[in-house]
C-alpha cells in the first residue's frame, strides 16, 4: 500500500487510534503539532520550537528525534501506517528544513472497512426474509407479459439507409436478450 504525505485532517483519525500507546506528554505534543500543521509539510524549526520551547537547539533536536521515534514505534506496534519523517538536509539551517507525516490516507482505510462490514454476514439474524412470487415456468401463477420499454433514437437521414438499418438490427439483437423487458 502506498504512503503519502498527510494533512492534519487525514492525520486525526490515525492519532485517535494511537492515543492509548502514547504518553500524556506525547499526546499533548501531537495536539500542538496539529495546531500548526496547515499544509502537507511542517517547517522543522517551527515544529521543534513548538514542541520544545526554551531548549537549546541541539537538545531540542535530540528531544524531537526521540519524540519521532516513540511516535513511529507506537504506530508500528498497533499496525497503524504512520511515520513522522524529516528531510535529509542535515547541513541546512533548521528553518530551511521540513518534516511531515507519512501514511495511508484514512479515506482508503475507511472505505475498505465500510465495504467489508457491509458485505459481511455478521447480522444475518437481523435480515428480513425476501417476499416475492415466482412467476414463470413451473409456477401456478399466470405468466406476466414483460413490460414494454420505449426508446427514442434520433438519427440523421444523411447517414444512409443501410447504416441506419444495420444499427437498428444490431440494437434489436441486443434487446432480444433481455429476460425482463420488451423494447
N, C-alpha and C. Protein backbone atom coordinates (compact mmCIF):
# COMPACT_ATOMS: atom_id res chain seq x y z
N UNK A 1 0.84 -1.17 0.00
CA UNK A 1 0.00 0.00 0.00
C UNK A 1 0.89 1.23 0.00
N UNK A 2 0.56 2.19 -0.79
CA UNK A 2 1.41 3.36 -0.92
C UNK A 2 1.17 4.35 0.21
N UNK A 3 2.21 5.06 0.55
CA UNK A 3 2.13 6.08 1.59
C UNK A 3 2.20 7.45 0.94
N UNK A 4 1.58 8.41 1.60
CA UNK A 4 1.57 9.78 1.09
C UNK A 4 1.71 10.73 2.26
N UNK A 5 2.09 11.96 1.96
CA UNK A 5 2.14 12.98 3.00
C UNK A 5 0.72 13.31 3.42
N UNK A 6 0.51 13.36 4.73
CA UNK A 6 -0.84 13.53 5.26
C UNK A 6 -1.07 14.95 5.74
N UNK A 7 -2.28 15.41 5.56
CA UNK A 7 -2.71 16.70 6.12
C UNK A 7 -3.20 16.45 7.54
N UNK A 8 -3.47 17.53 8.26
CA UNK A 8 -3.96 17.39 9.64
C UNK A 8 -5.29 16.64 9.68
N UNK A 9 -6.16 16.90 8.71
CA UNK A 9 -7.46 16.23 8.67
C UNK A 9 -7.30 14.72 8.45
N UNK A 10 -6.34 14.32 7.65
CA UNK A 10 -6.10 12.90 7.41
C UNK A 10 -5.39 12.26 8.59
N UNK A 11 -4.69 13.05 9.36
CA UNK A 11 -3.90 12.56 10.49
C UNK A 11 -4.76 12.29 11.73
N UNK A 12 -5.78 13.09 11.94
CA UNK A 12 -6.59 12.99 13.16
C UNK A 12 -7.17 11.61 13.41
N UNK A 13 -7.79 10.95 12.41
CA UNK A 13 -8.32 9.61 12.69
C UNK A 13 -7.23 8.59 13.08
N UNK A 14 -6.05 8.73 12.51
CA UNK A 14 -4.96 7.82 12.86
C UNK A 14 -4.48 8.06 14.28
N UNK A 15 -4.44 9.33 14.68
CA UNK A 15 -3.97 9.65 16.03
C UNK A 15 -4.93 9.19 17.10
N UNK A 16 -6.21 9.17 16.79
CA UNK A 16 -7.17 8.70 17.79
C UNK A 16 -6.89 7.23 18.14
N UNK A 17 -6.37 6.48 17.18
CA UNK A 17 -6.02 5.09 17.43
C UNK A 17 -4.70 4.97 18.19
N UNK A 18 -3.86 6.00 18.11
CA UNK A 18 -2.53 5.96 18.74
C UNK A 18 -2.52 6.46 20.18
N UNK A 19 -3.53 7.19 20.59
CA UNK A 19 -3.51 7.85 21.89
C UNK A 19 -3.24 6.92 23.06
N UNK A 20 -3.75 5.69 23.00
CA UNK A 20 -3.51 4.75 24.11
C UNK A 20 -2.05 4.32 24.20
N UNK A 21 -1.34 4.38 23.09
CA UNK A 21 0.06 3.96 23.06
C UNK A 21 1.02 5.08 23.45
N UNK A 22 0.57 6.33 23.31
CA UNK A 22 1.44 7.47 23.61
C UNK A 22 1.24 7.93 25.05
N UNK A 23 2.31 8.45 25.64
CA UNK A 23 2.19 9.03 26.97
C UNK A 23 1.45 10.36 26.90
N UNK A 24 1.08 10.86 28.04
CA UNK A 24 0.32 12.12 28.10
C UNK A 24 1.10 13.27 27.47
N UNK A 25 2.39 13.36 27.74
CA UNK A 25 3.21 14.45 27.19
C UNK A 25 3.26 14.36 25.66
N UNK A 26 3.41 13.15 25.13
CA UNK A 26 3.46 12.98 23.68
C UNK A 26 2.10 13.26 23.04
N UNK A 27 1.02 12.93 23.74
CA UNK A 27 -0.31 13.28 23.22
C UNK A 27 -0.47 14.80 23.11
N UNK A 28 0.01 15.50 24.14
CA UNK A 28 -0.06 16.97 24.11
C UNK A 28 0.82 17.53 22.99
N UNK A 29 1.98 16.92 22.77
CA UNK A 29 2.85 17.37 21.68
C UNK A 29 2.17 17.17 20.33
N UNK A 30 1.51 16.06 20.17
CA UNK A 30 0.80 15.81 18.91
C UNK A 30 -0.31 16.84 18.70
N UNK A 31 -1.02 17.18 19.75
CA UNK A 31 -2.07 18.20 19.63
C UNK A 31 -1.46 19.54 19.24
N UNK A 32 -0.30 19.87 19.81
CA UNK A 32 0.38 21.11 19.47
C UNK A 32 0.82 21.10 18.00
N UNK A 33 1.29 19.96 17.52
CA UNK A 33 1.68 19.86 16.11
C UNK A 33 0.48 20.01 15.19
N UNK A 34 -0.66 19.46 15.59
CA UNK A 34 -1.86 19.57 14.76
C UNK A 34 -2.30 21.03 14.59
N UNK A 35 -2.06 21.83 15.61
CA UNK A 35 -2.47 23.24 15.51
C UNK A 35 -1.61 24.01 14.51
N UNK A 36 -0.38 23.60 14.30
CA UNK A 36 0.48 24.31 13.33
C UNK A 36 0.58 23.57 12.00
N UNK A 37 -0.04 22.40 11.91
CA UNK A 37 0.03 21.57 10.70
C UNK A 37 -1.06 22.02 9.73
N UNK A 38 -0.75 23.02 8.90
CA UNK A 38 -1.75 23.58 7.99
C UNK A 38 -1.59 23.10 6.55
N UNK A 39 -0.45 22.54 6.22
CA UNK A 39 -0.21 22.03 4.86
C UNK A 39 0.28 20.59 4.98
N UNK A 40 0.79 20.04 3.90
CA UNK A 40 1.25 18.65 3.98
C UNK A 40 2.62 18.53 4.63
N UNK A 41 3.36 19.64 4.77
CA UNK A 41 4.65 19.61 5.45
C UNK A 41 4.68 20.68 6.55
N UNK A 42 5.58 20.47 7.49
CA UNK A 42 5.80 21.41 8.59
C UNK A 42 7.22 21.95 8.49
N UNK A 43 7.40 23.19 8.90
CA UNK A 43 8.74 23.75 8.99
C UNK A 43 9.40 23.11 10.21
N UNK A 44 10.57 22.56 10.01
CA UNK A 44 11.30 21.83 11.06
C UNK A 44 11.57 22.71 12.28
N UNK A 45 12.04 23.92 12.06
CA UNK A 45 12.37 24.82 13.17
C UNK A 45 11.13 25.19 13.97
N UNK A 46 10.03 25.47 13.28
CA UNK A 46 8.79 25.82 13.98
C UNK A 46 8.28 24.63 14.78
N UNK A 47 8.37 23.43 14.21
CA UNK A 47 7.92 22.23 14.92
C UNK A 47 8.74 22.01 16.20
N UNK A 48 10.06 22.16 16.09
CA UNK A 48 10.92 21.97 17.27
C UNK A 48 10.63 23.02 18.33
N UNK A 49 10.51 24.28 17.90
CA UNK A 49 10.25 25.36 18.86
C UNK A 49 8.87 25.24 19.50
N UNK A 50 7.91 24.68 18.77
CA UNK A 50 6.57 24.48 19.32
C UNK A 50 6.57 23.37 20.36
N UNK A 51 7.28 22.30 20.09
CA UNK A 51 7.27 21.15 20.99
C UNK A 51 8.23 21.29 22.16
N UNK A 52 9.35 21.94 21.92
CA UNK A 52 10.37 22.04 22.97
C UNK A 52 10.84 23.48 23.12
N UNK A 53 9.97 24.37 23.55
CA UNK A 53 10.36 25.78 23.67
C UNK A 53 11.39 25.98 24.80
N UNK A 54 12.29 26.87 24.57
CA UNK A 54 13.28 27.20 25.60
C UNK A 54 14.47 26.27 25.67
N UNK A 55 14.46 25.18 24.91
CA UNK A 55 15.61 24.27 24.93
C UNK A 55 16.64 24.74 23.91
N UNK A 56 17.90 24.45 24.19
CA UNK A 56 18.96 24.75 23.23
C UNK A 56 18.72 23.93 21.96
N UNK A 57 19.20 24.45 20.84
CA UNK A 57 18.92 23.84 19.54
C UNK A 57 19.28 22.35 19.49
N UNK A 58 20.48 22.01 19.94
CA UNK A 58 20.93 20.62 19.86
C UNK A 58 20.08 19.71 20.75
N UNK A 59 19.78 20.18 21.96
CA UNK A 59 18.97 19.39 22.87
C UNK A 59 17.55 19.26 22.33
N UNK A 60 17.00 20.31 21.76
CA UNK A 60 15.66 20.28 21.19
C UNK A 60 15.59 19.30 20.02
N UNK A 61 16.64 19.29 19.19
CA UNK A 61 16.67 18.35 18.07
C UNK A 61 16.73 16.90 18.56
N UNK A 62 17.50 16.66 19.61
CA UNK A 62 17.56 15.31 20.18
C UNK A 62 16.21 14.90 20.77
N UNK A 63 15.57 15.83 21.46
CA UNK A 63 14.24 15.55 22.04
C UNK A 63 13.23 15.29 20.93
N UNK A 64 13.33 16.07 19.86
CA UNK A 64 12.43 15.90 18.72
C UNK A 64 12.63 14.54 18.07
N UNK A 65 13.88 14.13 17.90
CA UNK A 65 14.20 12.83 17.32
C UNK A 65 13.62 11.70 18.20
N UNK A 66 13.76 11.84 19.52
CA UNK A 66 13.21 10.83 20.43
C UNK A 66 11.68 10.77 20.33
N UNK A 67 11.06 11.94 20.25
CA UNK A 67 9.61 12.01 20.11
C UNK A 67 9.16 11.30 18.83
N UNK A 68 9.85 11.59 17.72
CA UNK A 68 9.52 10.95 16.44
C UNK A 68 9.66 9.43 16.54
N UNK A 69 10.73 8.98 17.17
CA UNK A 69 10.94 7.53 17.32
C UNK A 69 9.84 6.89 18.15
N UNK A 70 9.43 7.54 19.25
CA UNK A 70 8.35 6.99 20.09
C UNK A 70 7.05 6.92 19.29
N UNK A 71 6.77 7.97 18.55
CA UNK A 71 5.55 8.01 17.74
C UNK A 71 5.56 6.92 16.66
N UNK A 72 6.66 6.81 15.94
CA UNK A 72 6.77 5.80 14.87
C UNK A 72 6.70 4.38 15.43
N UNK A 73 7.36 4.15 16.57
CA UNK A 73 7.33 2.82 17.19
C UNK A 73 5.92 2.46 17.67
N UNK A 74 5.23 3.43 18.26
CA UNK A 74 3.86 3.19 18.72
C UNK A 74 2.96 2.83 17.55
N UNK A 75 3.12 3.53 16.45
CA UNK A 75 2.31 3.25 15.25
C UNK A 75 2.61 1.84 14.73
N UNK A 76 3.88 1.46 14.70
CA UNK A 76 4.25 0.12 14.25
C UNK A 76 3.65 -0.96 15.15
N UNK A 77 3.67 -0.72 16.46
CA UNK A 77 3.19 -1.73 17.41
C UNK A 77 1.72 -2.06 17.21
N UNK A 78 0.91 -1.05 16.89
CA UNK A 78 -0.53 -1.31 16.76
C UNK A 78 -0.97 -1.44 15.30
N UNK A 79 -0.01 -1.43 14.39
CA UNK A 79 -0.33 -1.66 12.99
C UNK A 79 -0.91 -0.46 12.25
N UNK A 80 -0.66 0.75 12.74
CA UNK A 80 -1.11 1.95 12.05
C UNK A 80 -0.02 2.37 11.07
N UNK A 81 -0.40 2.62 9.83
CA UNK A 81 0.57 3.02 8.81
C UNK A 81 0.80 4.53 8.98
N UNK A 82 1.84 4.88 9.76
CA UNK A 82 2.14 6.28 10.04
C UNK A 82 3.61 6.42 10.39
N UNK A 83 4.25 7.39 9.77
CA UNK A 83 5.64 7.73 10.07
C UNK A 83 5.75 9.24 10.13
N UNK A 84 6.50 9.72 11.11
CA UNK A 84 6.81 11.14 11.22
C UNK A 84 8.22 11.29 10.67
N UNK A 85 8.34 11.88 9.50
CA UNK A 85 9.60 11.94 8.77
C UNK A 85 10.19 13.35 8.78
N UNK A 86 11.50 13.41 8.58
CA UNK A 86 12.24 14.67 8.44
C UNK A 86 13.10 14.56 7.19
N UNK A 87 13.25 15.67 6.48
CA UNK A 87 14.09 15.62 5.26
C UNK A 87 15.52 15.28 5.62
N UNK A 88 16.32 14.99 4.63
CA UNK A 88 17.70 14.55 4.86
C UNK A 88 18.72 15.68 4.71
N UNK A 89 18.28 16.92 4.72
CA UNK A 89 19.19 18.06 4.56
C UNK A 89 19.76 18.48 5.92
N UNK A 90 20.58 17.63 6.49
CA UNK A 90 21.08 17.86 7.85
C UNK A 90 22.03 19.04 7.94
N UNK A 91 22.65 19.42 6.86
CA UNK A 91 23.57 20.56 6.89
C UNK A 91 22.86 21.90 6.71
N UNK A 92 21.60 21.86 6.32
CA UNK A 92 20.83 23.10 6.15
C UNK A 92 20.41 23.63 7.51
N UNK A 93 20.10 24.90 7.55
CA UNK A 93 19.60 25.51 8.78
C UNK A 93 18.23 24.90 9.10
N UNK A 94 17.90 24.83 10.37
CA UNK A 94 16.64 24.23 10.80
C UNK A 94 15.44 24.92 10.15
N UNK A 95 15.53 26.23 9.94
CA UNK A 95 14.42 26.97 9.35
C UNK A 95 14.21 26.63 7.87
N UNK A 96 15.20 26.02 7.23
CA UNK A 96 15.10 25.64 5.82
C UNK A 96 14.71 24.18 5.63
N UNK A 97 14.52 23.46 6.73
CA UNK A 97 14.20 22.03 6.64
C UNK A 97 12.70 21.80 6.83
N UNK A 98 12.27 20.62 6.43
CA UNK A 98 10.86 20.26 6.55
C UNK A 98 10.70 18.92 7.24
N UNK A 99 9.52 18.74 7.83
CA UNK A 99 9.14 17.44 8.37
C UNK A 99 7.68 17.22 7.99
N UNK A 100 7.25 15.97 8.03
CA UNK A 100 5.89 15.66 7.60
C UNK A 100 5.47 14.31 8.15
N UNK A 101 4.18 14.08 8.12
CA UNK A 101 3.61 12.80 8.48
C UNK A 101 3.31 12.05 7.19
N UNK A 102 3.72 10.81 7.19
CA UNK A 102 3.52 9.98 6.01
C UNK A 102 2.73 8.75 6.42
N UNK A 103 1.76 8.40 5.62
CA UNK A 103 0.97 7.22 5.95
C UNK A 103 -0.12 6.97 4.94
N UNK A 104 -0.99 6.07 5.32
CA UNK A 104 -2.11 5.71 4.47
C UNK A 104 -3.21 6.73 4.67
N UNK A 105 -3.77 7.20 3.56
CA UNK A 105 -4.90 8.12 3.64
C UNK A 105 -6.05 7.39 4.33
N UNK A 106 -6.59 7.95 5.39
CA UNK A 106 -7.62 7.27 6.16
C UNK A 106 -8.88 7.02 5.35
N UNK A 107 -9.12 7.77 4.31
CA UNK A 107 -10.32 7.56 3.48
C UNK A 107 -10.28 6.17 2.83
N UNK A 108 -9.10 5.78 2.37
CA UNK A 108 -8.96 4.46 1.75
C UNK A 108 -9.27 3.38 2.78
N UNK A 109 -8.74 3.52 3.98
CA UNK A 109 -8.98 2.54 5.03
C UNK A 109 -10.45 2.53 5.44
N UNK A 110 -11.06 3.71 5.53
CA UNK A 110 -12.48 3.79 5.91
C UNK A 110 -13.36 3.13 4.86
N UNK A 111 -13.07 3.36 3.59
CA UNK A 111 -13.86 2.76 2.52
C UNK A 111 -13.72 1.24 2.55
N UNK A 112 -12.49 0.76 2.73
CA UNK A 112 -12.26 -0.68 2.79
C UNK A 112 -12.99 -1.31 3.98
N UNK A 113 -12.93 -0.63 5.13
CA UNK A 113 -13.61 -1.15 6.32
C UNK A 113 -15.12 -1.15 6.12
N UNK A 114 -15.65 -0.06 5.58
CA UNK A 114 -17.09 0.03 5.34
C UNK A 114 -17.54 -1.07 4.38
N UNK A 115 -16.77 -1.27 3.33
CA UNK A 115 -17.12 -2.27 2.33
C UNK A 115 -17.13 -3.67 2.95
N UNK A 116 -16.12 -3.98 3.74
CA UNK A 116 -16.06 -5.32 4.34
C UNK A 116 -17.18 -5.50 5.38
N UNK A 117 -17.52 -4.44 6.11
CA UNK A 117 -18.60 -4.54 7.09
C UNK A 117 -19.95 -4.75 6.40
N UNK A 118 -20.18 -4.01 5.34
CA UNK A 118 -21.46 -4.11 4.64
C UNK A 118 -21.59 -5.44 3.90
N UNK A 119 -20.48 -5.98 3.44
CA UNK A 119 -20.52 -7.22 2.69
C UNK A 119 -20.54 -8.44 3.61
N UNK A 120 -20.22 -8.25 4.87
CA UNK A 120 -20.17 -9.40 5.78
C UNK A 120 -21.58 -9.85 6.15
N UNK A 121 -21.66 -11.04 6.66
CA UNK A 121 -22.94 -11.62 7.04
C UNK A 121 -23.05 -11.69 8.56
N UNK A 122 -22.50 -10.71 9.24
CA UNK A 122 -22.48 -10.73 10.70
C UNK A 122 -23.87 -10.57 11.30
N UNK A 123 -24.72 -9.79 10.67
CA UNK A 123 -26.04 -9.53 11.22
C UNK A 123 -27.12 -10.34 10.50
N UNK A 124 -26.83 -11.58 10.16
CA UNK A 124 -27.78 -12.38 9.39
C UNK A 124 -29.07 -12.60 10.16
N UNK A 125 -29.03 -12.56 11.49
CA UNK A 125 -30.24 -12.73 12.28
C UNK A 125 -31.18 -11.54 12.09
N UNK A 126 -30.65 -10.39 11.74
CA UNK A 126 -31.46 -9.19 11.57
C UNK A 126 -32.02 -9.04 10.16
N UNK A 127 -31.62 -9.95 9.24
CA UNK A 127 -32.07 -9.84 7.87
C UNK A 127 -33.55 -10.17 7.77
N UNK A 128 -34.23 -9.45 6.95
CA UNK A 128 -35.64 -9.68 6.70
C UNK A 128 -35.75 -10.63 5.51
N UNK A 129 -36.54 -11.70 5.65
CA UNK A 129 -36.64 -12.62 4.51
C UNK A 129 -37.31 -11.93 3.32
N UNK A 130 -36.87 -12.32 2.15
CA UNK A 130 -37.42 -11.73 0.93
C UNK A 130 -38.85 -12.20 0.74
N UNK A 131 -39.69 -11.29 0.27
CA UNK A 131 -41.07 -11.63 -0.03
C UNK A 131 -41.28 -11.44 -1.52
N UNK A 132 -41.70 -12.48 -2.18
CA UNK A 132 -41.93 -12.38 -3.61
C UNK A 132 -42.60 -13.62 -4.13
N UNK A 133 -42.98 -13.57 -5.37
CA UNK A 133 -43.62 -14.70 -6.02
C UNK A 133 -42.79 -15.13 -7.22
N UNK A 134 -42.67 -16.40 -7.36
CA UNK A 134 -42.01 -16.93 -8.54
C UNK A 134 -43.03 -16.94 -9.66
N UNK A 135 -42.71 -16.32 -10.75
CA UNK A 135 -43.61 -16.26 -11.89
C UNK A 135 -42.91 -16.87 -13.08
N UNK A 136 -43.58 -17.70 -13.80
CA UNK A 136 -42.96 -18.28 -14.99
C UNK A 136 -43.07 -19.78 -14.97
N UNK A 137 -42.06 -20.44 -15.49
CA UNK A 137 -42.08 -21.90 -15.63
C UNK A 137 -42.29 -22.57 -14.28
N UNK A 138 -43.19 -23.52 -14.24
CA UNK A 138 -43.43 -24.28 -13.02
C UNK A 138 -44.28 -23.54 -12.02
N UNK A 139 -44.64 -22.31 -12.30
CA UNK A 139 -45.43 -21.53 -11.36
C UNK A 139 -46.90 -21.73 -11.66
N UNK A 140 -47.72 -21.65 -10.64
CA UNK A 140 -49.16 -21.77 -10.84
C UNK A 140 -49.76 -20.42 -11.20
N UNK A 141 -49.01 -19.37 -11.05
CA UNK A 141 -49.45 -18.04 -11.43
C UNK A 141 -49.44 -17.93 -12.94
N UNK A 142 -50.28 -17.09 -13.48
CA UNK A 142 -50.28 -16.84 -14.91
C UNK A 142 -49.06 -16.03 -15.27
N UNK A 143 -48.36 -16.38 -16.36
CA UNK A 143 -47.18 -15.62 -16.74
C UNK A 143 -47.58 -14.19 -17.08
N UNK A 144 -46.75 -13.26 -16.62
CA UNK A 144 -46.99 -11.84 -16.85
C UNK A 144 -46.18 -11.42 -18.06
N UNK A 145 -46.79 -10.62 -18.91
CA UNK A 145 -46.09 -10.13 -20.08
C UNK A 145 -44.99 -9.18 -19.64
N UNK A 146 -43.85 -9.27 -20.31
CA UNK A 146 -42.72 -8.39 -19.97
C UNK A 146 -43.13 -6.94 -20.23
N UNK A 147 -42.73 -6.02 -19.33
CA UNK A 147 -43.06 -4.61 -19.54
C UNK A 147 -42.36 -4.06 -20.79
N UNK A 148 -43.06 -3.15 -21.46
CA UNK A 148 -42.54 -2.55 -22.68
C UNK A 148 -41.74 -1.30 -22.33
N UNK A 149 -40.53 -1.22 -22.84
CA UNK A 149 -39.69 -0.05 -22.68
C UNK A 149 -39.60 0.62 -24.04
N UNK A 150 -40.02 1.87 -24.09
CA UNK A 150 -39.98 2.61 -25.35
C UNK A 150 -38.71 3.45 -25.37
N UNK A 151 -38.04 3.42 -26.50
CA UNK A 151 -36.79 4.16 -26.66
C UNK A 151 -36.91 5.06 -27.88
N UNK A 152 -36.51 6.30 -27.73
CA UNK A 152 -36.48 7.22 -28.86
C UNK A 152 -35.04 7.35 -29.32
N UNK A 153 -34.82 7.14 -30.61
CA UNK A 153 -33.47 7.25 -31.16
C UNK A 153 -33.51 8.28 -32.28
N UNK A 154 -32.68 9.25 -32.15
CA UNK A 154 -32.60 10.30 -33.16
C UNK A 154 -31.41 10.00 -34.07
N UNK A 155 -31.62 10.14 -35.38
CA UNK A 155 -30.54 9.90 -36.32
C UNK A 155 -30.68 10.86 -37.51
N UNK A 156 -29.61 11.01 -38.22
CA UNK A 156 -29.61 11.88 -39.41
C UNK A 156 -29.86 11.01 -40.64
N UNK A 157 -30.80 11.43 -41.47
CA UNK A 157 -31.13 10.66 -42.69
C UNK A 157 -29.97 10.64 -43.67
N UNK A 158 -29.09 11.62 -43.56
CA UNK A 158 -27.97 11.67 -44.49
C UNK A 158 -26.95 10.56 -44.25
N UNK A 159 -27.04 9.86 -43.11
CA UNK A 159 -26.11 8.77 -42.82
C UNK A 159 -26.33 7.57 -43.73
N UNK A 160 -27.44 7.52 -44.39
CA UNK A 160 -27.68 6.42 -45.33
C UNK A 160 -28.54 5.35 -44.72
N UNK A 161 -29.42 4.84 -45.52
CA UNK A 161 -30.40 3.86 -45.06
C UNK A 161 -29.74 2.56 -44.58
N UNK A 162 -28.67 2.12 -45.24
CA UNK A 162 -28.01 0.86 -44.87
C UNK A 162 -27.39 0.94 -43.47
N UNK A 163 -26.74 2.07 -43.18
CA UNK A 163 -26.13 2.25 -41.86
C UNK A 163 -27.21 2.26 -40.78
N UNK A 164 -28.28 2.94 -41.05
CA UNK A 164 -29.36 3.06 -40.06
C UNK A 164 -30.01 1.70 -39.83
N UNK A 165 -30.29 0.97 -40.90
CA UNK A 165 -30.88 -0.37 -40.75
C UNK A 165 -29.93 -1.31 -40.02
N UNK A 166 -28.65 -1.23 -40.32
CA UNK A 166 -27.66 -2.08 -39.64
C UNK A 166 -27.63 -1.76 -38.14
N UNK A 167 -27.71 -0.49 -37.82
CA UNK A 167 -27.72 -0.07 -36.41
C UNK A 167 -28.95 -0.63 -35.70
N UNK A 168 -30.14 -0.49 -36.33
CA UNK A 168 -31.37 -0.99 -35.71
C UNK A 168 -31.36 -2.51 -35.59
N UNK A 169 -30.81 -3.21 -36.56
CA UNK A 169 -30.71 -4.66 -36.48
C UNK A 169 -29.83 -5.09 -35.31
N UNK A 170 -28.70 -4.42 -35.16
CA UNK A 170 -27.78 -4.74 -34.04
C UNK A 170 -28.43 -4.42 -32.70
N UNK A 171 -29.12 -3.30 -32.63
CA UNK A 171 -29.81 -2.90 -31.41
C UNK A 171 -30.90 -3.91 -31.07
N UNK A 172 -31.63 -4.36 -32.08
CA UNK A 172 -32.68 -5.34 -31.89
C UNK A 172 -32.12 -6.64 -31.33
N UNK A 173 -30.98 -7.09 -31.85
CA UNK A 173 -30.33 -8.31 -31.35
C UNK A 173 -29.95 -8.17 -29.88
N UNK A 174 -29.43 -7.02 -29.52
CA UNK A 174 -29.04 -6.78 -28.12
C UNK A 174 -30.25 -6.80 -27.20
N UNK A 175 -31.33 -6.17 -27.62
CA UNK A 175 -32.52 -6.08 -26.77
C UNK A 175 -33.28 -7.40 -26.68
N UNK A 176 -33.14 -8.28 -27.65
CA UNK A 176 -33.81 -9.58 -27.60
C UNK A 176 -33.31 -10.41 -26.44
N UNK A 177 -32.11 -10.18 -26.01
CA UNK A 177 -31.50 -10.96 -24.93
C UNK A 177 -32.09 -10.63 -23.57
N UNK A 178 -32.84 -9.56 -23.45
CA UNK A 178 -33.38 -9.14 -22.16
C UNK A 178 -34.41 -10.16 -21.66
N UNK A 179 -34.25 -10.58 -20.41
CA UNK A 179 -35.17 -11.55 -19.82
C UNK A 179 -36.38 -10.87 -19.17
N UNK A 180 -36.24 -9.56 -18.91
CA UNK A 180 -37.27 -8.91 -18.10
C UNK A 180 -38.06 -7.82 -18.82
N UNK A 181 -37.61 -7.40 -19.99
CA UNK A 181 -38.26 -6.26 -20.65
C UNK A 181 -38.42 -6.53 -22.16
N UNK A 182 -39.41 -5.84 -22.76
CA UNK A 182 -39.57 -5.81 -24.21
C UNK A 182 -39.18 -4.40 -24.64
N UNK A 183 -38.63 -4.30 -25.85
CA UNK A 183 -38.22 -3.00 -26.37
C UNK A 183 -38.88 -2.75 -27.70
